[in-house]
């Protein structure tokens, strides 16, 4: 499915939209600028006056009128196991083994029963044996140190992890804005 990266006037990502949703933005004259070459054409009706069919060329990245409804510093991406798996590069936080995504477990560093929150900073990917060995204890109590530190995804990292078939120019735009410390940079290079 064709997805178009929608930005606000300042270039801040607002989300992925379908070709139909993007076409509405073009038709409403709310597209301010675009990046990349046209990737798709939407065909409309035939004009009685000219006898010509209307055509709207869609670009892979569009910026629309208005400013961001997202404050980059207040934004906390929704946590999914898939995004957590990608953030942690599929590595168990305790033993370092690579885990297949369908076998990975979202593990609370500080257990839920001990006040641990369901948050980016308290969740890591773990293999089942390590998760069971740690049990309802903190890593210190279980004698199992973390091999990497959890972190909160940036808006740009979240947009990459939400996208399914990201085109090269879309990926280029998003990766150019990734934090220098992003683990996704290692995966993408």
C-alpha atoms as a PDB file:
ATOM      1  CA  UNK A   1       0.000   0.000   0.000  1.00  0.00           C
ATOM      2  CA  UNK A   2       1.253   3.443  -0.938  1.00  0.00           C
ATOM      3  CA  UNK A   3       1.938   5.669   2.081  1.00  0.00           C
ATOM      4  CA  UNK A   4       2.787   9.339   1.902  1.00  0.00           C
ATOM      5  CA  UNK A   5       4.689  11.117   4.660  1.00  0.00           C
ATOM      6  CA  UNK A   6       2.679  14.141   5.764  1.00  0.00           C
ATOM      7  CA  UNK A   7       4.556  17.053   7.377  1.00  0.00           C
ATOM      8  CA  UNK A   8       3.408  20.361   8.804  1.00  0.00           C
ATOM      9  CA  UNK A   9       4.554  23.660   7.258  1.00  0.00           C
ATOM     10  CA  UNK A  10       7.729  23.549   9.377  1.00  0.00           C
ATOM     11  CA  UNK A  11       8.667  20.034   8.240  1.00  0.00           C
ATOM     12  CA  UNK A  12       7.586  18.166  11.391  1.00  0.00           C
ATOM     13  CA  UNK A  13       6.058  14.741  10.618  1.00  0.00           C
ATOM     14  CA  UNK A  14       2.341  14.466  11.271  1.00  0.00           C
ATOM     15  CA  UNK A  15       1.793  10.909  10.124  1.00  0.00           C
ATOM     16  CA  UNK A  16       1.497   8.497   7.240  1.00  0.00           C
ATOM     17  CA  UNK A  17      -1.467   9.096   4.920  1.00  0.00           C
ATOM     18  CA  UNK A  18      -2.976   7.140   2.059  1.00  0.00           C
ATOM     19  CA  UNK A  19      -2.971   8.337  -1.547  1.00  0.00           C
ATOM     20  CA  UNK A  20      -6.648   9.235  -1.171  1.00  0.00           C
ATOM     21  CA  UNK A  21      -6.007  11.337   1.942  1.00  0.00           C
ATOM     22  CA  UNK A  22      -3.098  13.091   0.218  1.00  0.00           C
ATOM     23  CA  UNK A  23      -5.262  13.768  -2.836  1.00  0.00           C
ATOM     24  CA  UNK A  24      -7.761  15.602  -0.604  1.00  0.00           C
ATOM     25  CA  UNK A  25      -4.897  17.790   0.688  1.00  0.00           C
ATOM     26  CA  UNK A  26      -3.862  18.619  -2.904  1.00  0.00           C
ATOM     27  CA  UNK A  27      -7.476  19.289  -3.949  1.00  0.00           C
ATOM     28  CA  UNK A  28      -8.012  21.595  -0.945  1.00  0.00           C
ATOM     29  CA  UNK A  29      -4.855  23.529  -1.917  1.00  0.00           C
ATOM     30  CA  UNK A  30      -3.415  22.820   1.518  1.00  0.00           C
ATOM     31  CA  UNK A  31      -0.156  21.301   0.207  1.00  0.00           C
ATOM     32  CA  UNK A  32       2.522  23.975   0.633  1.00  0.00           C
ATOM     33  CA  UNK A  33       5.528  22.064  -0.660  1.00  0.00           C
ATOM     34  CA  UNK A  34       6.649  18.599  -1.631  1.00  0.00           C
ATOM     35  CA  UNK A  35       9.874  16.608  -1.734  1.00  0.00           C
ATOM     36  CA  UNK A  36      10.991  13.980  -4.199  1.00  0.00           C
ATOM     37  CA  UNK A  37       9.643  13.022  -7.566  1.00  0.00           C
ATOM     38  CA  UNK A  38       5.953  12.274  -8.149  1.00  0.00           C
ATOM     39  CA  UNK A  39       5.242   8.649  -7.232  1.00  0.00           C
ATOM     40  CA  UNK A  40       1.614   8.274  -8.246  1.00  0.00           C
ATOM     41  CA  UNK A  41      -1.087   9.922 -10.327  1.00  0.00           C
ATOM     42  CA  UNK A  42      -4.701  10.230  -9.288  1.00  0.00           C
ATOM     43  CA  UNK A  43      -7.074  10.672 -12.201  1.00  0.00           C
ATOM     44  CA  UNK A  44     -10.312  12.595 -11.913  1.00  0.00           C
ATOM     45  CA  UNK A  45     -13.178  13.524 -14.171  1.00  0.00           C
ATOM     46  CA  UNK A  46     -13.223  15.099 -17.620  1.00  0.00           C
ATOM     47  CA  UNK A  47     -13.667  18.877 -17.747  1.00  0.00           C
ATOM     48  CA  UNK A  48     -16.615  19.998 -19.882  1.00  0.00           C
ATOM     49  CA  UNK A  49     -14.821  23.232 -20.707  1.00  0.00           C
ATOM     50  CA  UNK A  50     -11.517  21.725 -21.883  1.00  0.00           C
ATOM     51  CA  UNK A  51     -12.319  18.071 -22.474  1.00  0.00           C
ATOM     52  CA  UNK A  52      -9.206  17.203 -20.418  1.00  0.00           C
ATOM     53  CA  UNK A  53      -9.066  14.719 -17.572  1.00  0.00           C
ATOM     54  CA  UNK A  54      -7.883  16.132 -14.238  1.00  0.00           C
ATOM     55  CA  UNK A  55      -4.681  14.582 -12.915  1.00  0.00           C
ATOM     56  CA  UNK A  56      -3.057  15.113  -9.515  1.00  0.00           C
ATOM     57  CA  UNK A  57       0.546  13.967  -9.164  1.00  0.00           C
ATOM     58  CA  UNK A  58       1.330  12.763  -5.645  1.00  0.00           C
ATOM     59  CA  UNK A  59       4.764  13.130  -4.108  1.00  0.00           C
ATOM     60  CA  UNK A  60       6.083  10.805  -1.401  1.00  0.00           C
ATOM     61  CA  UNK A  61       6.485  13.696   1.061  1.00  0.00           C
ATOM     62  CA  UNK A  62       4.005  16.562   1.382  1.00  0.00           C
ATOM     63  CA  UNK A  63       3.969  19.522   3.741  1.00  0.00           C
ATOM     64  CA  UNK A  64       0.553  20.981   4.493  1.00  0.00           C
ATOM     65  CA  UNK A  65      -0.640  24.294   5.845  1.00  0.00           C
ATOM     66  CA  UNK A  66      -0.584  24.763   9.596  1.00  0.00           C
ATOM     67  CA  UNK A  67       1.844  24.148  12.389  1.00  0.00           C
ATOM     68  CA  UNK A  68       2.489  20.946  14.276  1.00  0.00           C
ATOM     69  CA  UNK A  69      -0.132  19.657  16.617  1.00  0.00           C
ATOM     70  CA  UNK A  70       2.743  17.639  18.039  1.00  0.00           C
ATOM     71  CA  UNK A  71       5.219  19.197  20.438  1.00  0.00           C
ATOM     72  CA  UNK A  72       8.428  17.280  19.782  1.00  0.00           C
ATOM     73  CA  UNK A  73       9.421  17.516  23.442  1.00  0.00           C
ATOM     74  CA  UNK A  74       6.079  16.363  24.881  1.00  0.00           C
ATOM     75  CA  UNK A  75       5.472  13.556  22.388  1.00  0.00           C
ATOM     76  CA  UNK A  76       5.571  10.044  23.812  1.00  0.00           C
ATOM     77  CA  UNK A  77       5.053   7.403  21.112  1.00  0.00           C
ATOM     78  CA  UNK A  78       2.601   4.596  21.724  1.00  0.00           C
ATOM     79  CA  UNK A  79       4.441   1.487  22.893  1.00  0.00           C
ATOM     80  CA  UNK A  80       4.019  -1.668  20.862  1.00  0.00           C
ATOM     81  CA  UNK A  81       5.978  -4.871  21.149  1.00  0.00           C
ATOM     82  CA  UNK A  82       7.074  -4.471  17.514  1.00  0.00           C
ATOM     83  CA  UNK A  83       8.497  -0.986  18.103  1.00  0.00           C
ATOM     84  CA  UNK A  84      10.150  -2.126  21.339  1.00  0.00           C
ATOM     85  CA  UNK A  85      11.687  -5.083  19.480  1.00  0.00           C
ATOM     86  CA  UNK A  86      13.033  -2.781  16.753  1.00  0.00           C
ATOM     87  CA  UNK A  87      14.346  -0.225  19.261  1.00  0.00           C
ATOM     88  CA  UNK A  88      16.255  -2.971  21.084  1.00  0.00           C
ATOM     89  CA  UNK A  89      17.430  -4.527  17.771  1.00  0.00           C
ATOM     90  CA  UNK A  90      15.982  -7.916  18.746  1.00  0.00           C
ATOM     91  CA  UNK A  91      18.579  -8.466  21.462  1.00  0.00           C
ATOM     92  CA  UNK A  92      17.722  -9.808  24.902  1.00  0.00           C
ATOM     93  CA  UNK A  93      18.604  -7.065  27.387  1.00  0.00           C
ATOM     94  CA  UNK A  94      20.049  -9.625  29.817  1.00  0.00           C
ATOM     95  CA  UNK A  95      21.933 -12.306  27.826  1.00  0.00           C
ATOM     96  CA  UNK A  96      22.419 -10.453  24.525  1.00  0.00           C
ATOM     97  CA  UNK A  97      21.080 -13.287  22.374  1.00  0.00           C
ATOM     98  CA  UNK A  98      19.157 -12.397  19.229  1.00  0.00           C
ATOM     99  CA  UNK A  99      15.490 -13.342  19.589  1.00  0.00           C
ATOM    100  CA  UNK A 100      12.968 -13.852  16.810  1.00  0.00           C
ATOM    101  CA  UNK A 101      10.261 -11.200  17.113  1.00  0.00           C
ATOM    102  CA  UNK A 102       7.435 -13.662  17.803  1.00  0.00           C
ATOM    103  CA  UNK A 103       9.463 -15.160  20.693  1.00  0.00           C
ATOM    104  CA  UNK A 104      10.525 -11.847  22.244  1.00  0.00           C
ATOM    105  CA  UNK A 105       8.895 -10.691  25.460  1.00  0.00           C
ATOM    106  CA  UNK A 106       8.349  -7.129  26.634  1.00  0.00           C
ATOM    107  CA  UNK A 107      10.021  -7.215  30.047  1.00  0.00           C
ATOM    108  CA  UNK A 108       9.497  -4.746  32.906  1.00  0.00           C
ATOM    109  CA  UNK A 109      12.850  -3.745  34.382  1.00  0.00           C
ATOM    110  CA  UNK A 110      11.149  -2.777  37.633  1.00  0.00           C
ATOM    111  CA  UNK A 111       8.267  -5.254  37.938  1.00  0.00           C
ATOM    112  CA  UNK A 112       4.728  -3.968  37.672  1.00  0.00           C
ATOM    113  CA  UNK A 113       3.987  -5.360  41.149  1.00  0.00           C
ATOM    114  CA  UNK A 114       6.799  -3.186  42.558  1.00  0.00           C
ATOM    115  CA  UNK A 115       5.500   0.028  41.023  1.00  0.00           C
ATOM    116  CA  UNK A 116       7.206  -0.308  37.658  1.00  0.00           C
ATOM    117  CA  UNK A 117       5.385   1.543  34.911  1.00  0.00           C
ATOM    118  CA  UNK A 118       4.549   0.401  31.399  1.00  0.00           C
ATOM    119  CA  UNK A 119       6.871   2.955  29.787  1.00  0.00           C
ATOM    120  CA  UNK A 120       9.691   3.178  27.271  1.00  0.00           C
ATOM    121  CA  UNK A 121      12.176   3.704  30.107  1.00  0.00           C
ATOM    122  CA  UNK A 122      11.026   0.617  32.045  1.00  0.00           C
ATOM    123  CA  UNK A 123      10.602  -1.872  29.196  1.00  0.00           C
ATOM    124  CA  UNK A 124      13.171  -3.925  27.292  1.00  0.00           C
ATOM    125  CA  UNK A 125      13.074  -6.976  25.058  1.00  0.00           C
ATOM    126  CA  UNK A 126      13.924 -10.234  26.793  1.00  0.00           C
ATOM    127  CA  UNK A 127      14.088 -13.893  25.879  1.00  0.00           C
ATOM    128  CA  UNK A 128      11.735 -16.165  27.793  1.00  0.00           C
ATOM    129  CA  UNK A 129      14.465 -17.913  29.854  1.00  0.00           C
ATOM    130  CA  UNK A 130      15.892 -14.591  31.078  1.00  0.00           C
ATOM    131  CA  UNK A 131      12.432 -13.186  31.751  1.00  0.00           C
ATOM    132  CA  UNK A 132      11.523 -16.250  33.811  1.00  0.00           C
ATOM    133  CA  UNK A 133      14.863 -16.267  35.635  1.00  0.00           C
ATOM    134  CA  UNK A 134      14.478 -12.595  36.589  1.00  0.00           C
ATOM    135  CA  UNK A 135      10.895 -13.171  37.654  1.00  0.00           C
ATOM    136  CA  UNK A 136       9.325 -10.603  39.969  1.00  0.00           C
ATOM    137  CA  UNK A 137      12.644  -9.036  40.962  1.00  0.00           C
ATOM    138  CA  UNK A 138      14.673  -6.048  39.843  1.00  0.00           C
ATOM    139  CA  UNK A 139      17.761  -6.806  37.725  1.00  0.00           C
ATOM    140  CA  UNK A 140      19.961  -6.070  40.765  1.00  0.00           C
ATOM    141  CA  UNK A 141      18.033  -8.488  42.975  1.00  0.00           C
ATOM    142  CA  UNK A 142      18.246 -11.176  40.288  1.00  0.00           C
ATOM    143  CA  UNK A 143      21.954 -10.518  39.637  1.00  0.00           C
ATOM    144  CA  UNK A 144      21.175  -9.796  35.991  1.00  0.00           C
ATOM    145  CA  UNK A 145      22.579  -6.517  34.686  1.00  0.00           C
ATOM    146  CA  UNK A 146      21.142  -4.779  31.665  1.00  0.00           C
ATOM    147  CA  UNK A 147      23.344  -4.894  28.561  1.00  0.00           C
ATOM    148  CA  UNK A 148      21.852  -1.697  27.152  1.00  0.00           C
ATOM    149  CA  UNK A 149      19.871   1.244  28.424  1.00  0.00           C
ATOM    150  CA  UNK A 150      16.239   1.735  27.404  1.00  0.00           C
ATOM    151  CA  UNK A 151      15.312   5.086  25.895  1.00  0.00           C
ATOM    152  CA  UNK A 152      12.290   7.031  24.693  1.00  0.00           C
ATOM    153  CA  UNK A 153      11.871   7.018  20.918  1.00  0.00           C
ATOM    154  CA  UNK A 154      11.978  10.345  19.096  1.00  0.00           C
ATOM    155  CA  UNK A 155       9.141  11.346  16.763  1.00  0.00           C
ATOM    156  CA  UNK A 156      11.340  10.521  13.763  1.00  0.00           C
ATOM    157  CA  UNK A 157      12.230   7.057  15.095  1.00  0.00           C
ATOM    158  CA  UNK A 158       8.548   6.426  15.768  1.00  0.00           C
ATOM    159  CA  UNK A 159       7.627   7.453  12.205  1.00  0.00           C
ATOM    160  CA  UNK A 160      10.211   5.005  10.816  1.00  0.00           C
ATOM    161  CA  UNK A 161       8.903   2.191  13.000  1.00  0.00           C
ATOM    162  CA  UNK A 162       5.272   2.954  12.039  1.00  0.00           C
ATOM    163  CA  UNK A 163       6.010   2.927   8.311  1.00  0.00           C
ATOM    164  CA  UNK A 164       5.678  -0.323   6.420  1.00  0.00           C
ATOM    165  CA  UNK A 165       7.055   0.311   2.933  1.00  0.00           C
ATOM    166  CA  UNK A 166       9.110   3.437   3.382  1.00  0.00           C
ATOM    167  CA  UNK A 167      10.485   4.860   0.143  1.00  0.00           C
ATOM    168  CA  UNK A 168      14.126   5.970  -0.098  1.00  0.00           C
ATOM    169  CA  UNK A 169      13.375   9.716  -0.042  1.00  0.00           C
ATOM    170  CA  UNK A 170      11.022   9.301   2.937  1.00  0.00           C
ATOM    171  CA  UNK A 171      13.664   7.293   4.808  1.00  0.00           C
ATOM    172  CA  UNK A 172      16.304   9.878   3.904  1.00  0.00           C
ATOM    173  CA  UNK A 173      14.164  12.692   5.309  1.00  0.00           C
ATOM    174  CA  UNK A 174      13.419  10.841   8.545  1.00  0.00           C
ATOM    175  CA  UNK A 175      16.950   9.527   9.162  1.00  0.00           C
ATOM    176  CA  UNK A 176      18.427  12.992   8.592  1.00  0.00           C
ATOM    177  CA  UNK A 177      16.492  14.070  11.684  1.00  0.00           C
ATOM    178  CA  UNK A 178      17.265  11.094  13.942  1.00  0.00           C
ATOM    179  CA  UNK A 179      19.112  11.764  17.192  1.00  0.00           C
ATOM    180  CA  UNK A 180      22.828  10.935  16.845  1.00  0.00           C
ATOM    181  CA  UNK A 181      22.433   8.317  19.592  1.00  0.00           C
ATOM    182  CA  UNK A 182      19.581   6.468  17.857  1.00  0.00           C
ATOM    183  CA  UNK A 183      20.021   2.683  17.718  1.00  0.00           C
ATOM    184  CA  UNK A 184      18.052   2.734  14.475  1.00  0.00           C
ATOM    185  CA  UNK A 185      21.035   4.360  12.752  1.00  0.00           C
ATOM    186  CA  UNK A 186      23.012   1.162  13.353  1.00  0.00           C
ATOM    187  CA  UNK A 187      20.228  -0.935  11.816  1.00  0.00           C
ATOM    188  CA  UNK A 188      19.784   1.329   8.796  1.00  0.00           C
ATOM    189  CA  UNK A 189      23.435   1.649   7.795  1.00  0.00           C
END
